[in-house]
Amino acid sequence: MFLQKILRKYLKNNKNIKVKTRKITKKEPELPISRKIGDFEIKNYCCCDIQAKIKSINSFEGGYCPFCGEILDGNN
């Protein structure tokens, strides 16, 4: 916009150069592509005496302690 105004001002009286401008339409902001925030559950790890948020599906399956790596089943 600012550049267009300057060009119009300086080239207004010049017959050899003509500048035609149009309004620039504003684009709508795009939504960023990101992961969906899933449902997390707080799980107590007795081996380390620490709480952590894990996905609900991992609490049913079991797995490893994220801190020390001890194998845990889904019921603990």
Protein backbone atom coordinates (compact mmCIF):
# COMPACT_ATOMS: atom_id res chain seq x y z
CA MET A 1 0.00 0.00 0.00
CA PHE A 2 2.70 2.45 0.97
CA LEU A 3 4.75 1.67 -2.13
CA GLN A 4 1.72 2.10 -4.35
CA LYS A 5 1.08 5.57 -2.97
CA ILE A 6 4.68 6.60 -3.55
CA LEU A 7 4.64 5.31 -7.13
CA ARG A 8 1.40 7.16 -7.87
CA LYS A 9 2.83 10.37 -6.48
CA TYR A 10 6.08 10.28 -8.47
CA LEU A 11 4.67 8.85 -11.69
CA LYS A 12 1.46 10.91 -11.79
CA ASN A 13 2.72 13.43 -14.34
CA ASN A 14 4.77 10.97 -16.41
CA LYS A 15 2.93 10.15 -19.66
CA ASN A 16 5.22 7.25 -20.67
CA ILE A 17 4.77 5.17 -17.53
CA LYS A 18 1.37 4.31 -16.19
CA VAL A 19 0.73 2.39 -13.00
CA LYS A 20 -2.54 0.63 -12.34
CA THR A 21 -3.01 -0.76 -8.90
CA ARG A 22 -5.74 -2.78 -7.28
CA LYS A 23 -6.63 -3.52 -3.73
CA ILE A 24 -4.88 -6.49 -2.20
CA THR A 25 -7.31 -8.88 -0.62
CA LYS A 26 -6.47 -10.14 2.82
CA LYS A 27 -6.04 -13.88 3.04
CA GLU A 28 -7.69 -15.82 5.80
CA PRO A 29 -5.20 -17.37 8.22
CA GLU A 30 -4.66 -21.07 7.68
CA LEU A 31 -5.06 -23.49 10.52
CA PRO A 32 -1.74 -25.13 11.36
CA ILE A 33 -1.43 -28.83 10.83
CA SER A 34 -0.84 -30.37 14.21
CA ARG A 35 -1.55 -33.45 16.19
CA LYS A 36 -4.80 -33.76 18.00
CA ILE A 37 -4.45 -33.57 21.74
CA GLY A 38 -5.60 -36.93 22.97
CA ASP A 39 -7.15 -37.94 26.23
CA PHE A 40 -4.48 -38.49 28.84
CA GLU A 41 -4.73 -40.17 32.21
CA ILE A 42 -2.56 -39.66 35.26
CA LYS A 43 -0.80 -42.85 36.22
CA ASN A 44 1.21 -43.50 39.37
CA TYR A 45 4.48 -45.36 38.89
CA CYS A 46 5.30 -47.18 42.13
CA CYS A 47 8.83 -48.04 41.02
CA CYS A 48 9.84 -44.36 40.85
CA ASP A 49 7.13 -42.80 43.09
CA ILE A 50 6.26 -40.36 40.29
CA GLN A 51 3.05 -39.48 38.45
CA ALA A 52 2.94 -39.10 34.67
CA LYS A 53 0.30 -38.40 32.07
CA ILE A 54 0.01 -41.17 29.52
CA LYS A 55 -2.47 -41.92 26.77
CA SER A 56 -5.50 -43.85 27.93
CA ILE A 57 -4.82 -46.65 25.45
CA ASN A 58 -1.34 -47.15 26.93
CA SER A 59 -2.77 -47.50 30.42
CA PHE A 60 -4.86 -50.47 29.27
CA GLU A 61 -2.04 -52.12 27.30
CA GLY A 62 0.70 -51.67 29.84
CA GLY A 63 4.27 -50.96 28.82
CA TYR A 64 7.37 -49.43 30.32
CA CYS A 65 7.91 -46.85 33.02
CA PRO A 66 8.96 -43.64 31.21
CA PHE A 67 11.53 -42.87 33.90
CA CYS A 68 13.35 -46.10 34.73
CA GLY A 69 12.14 -48.47 31.97
CA GLU A 70 10.64 -51.15 34.25
CA ILE A 71 8.03 -53.37 32.53
CA LEU A 72 4.51 -52.77 33.83
CA ASP A 73 1.29 -54.54 32.96
CA GLY A 74 -1.95 -52.66 32.25
CA ASN A 75 -3.50 -53.17 35.70
CA ASN A 76 -0.80 -51.38 37.71
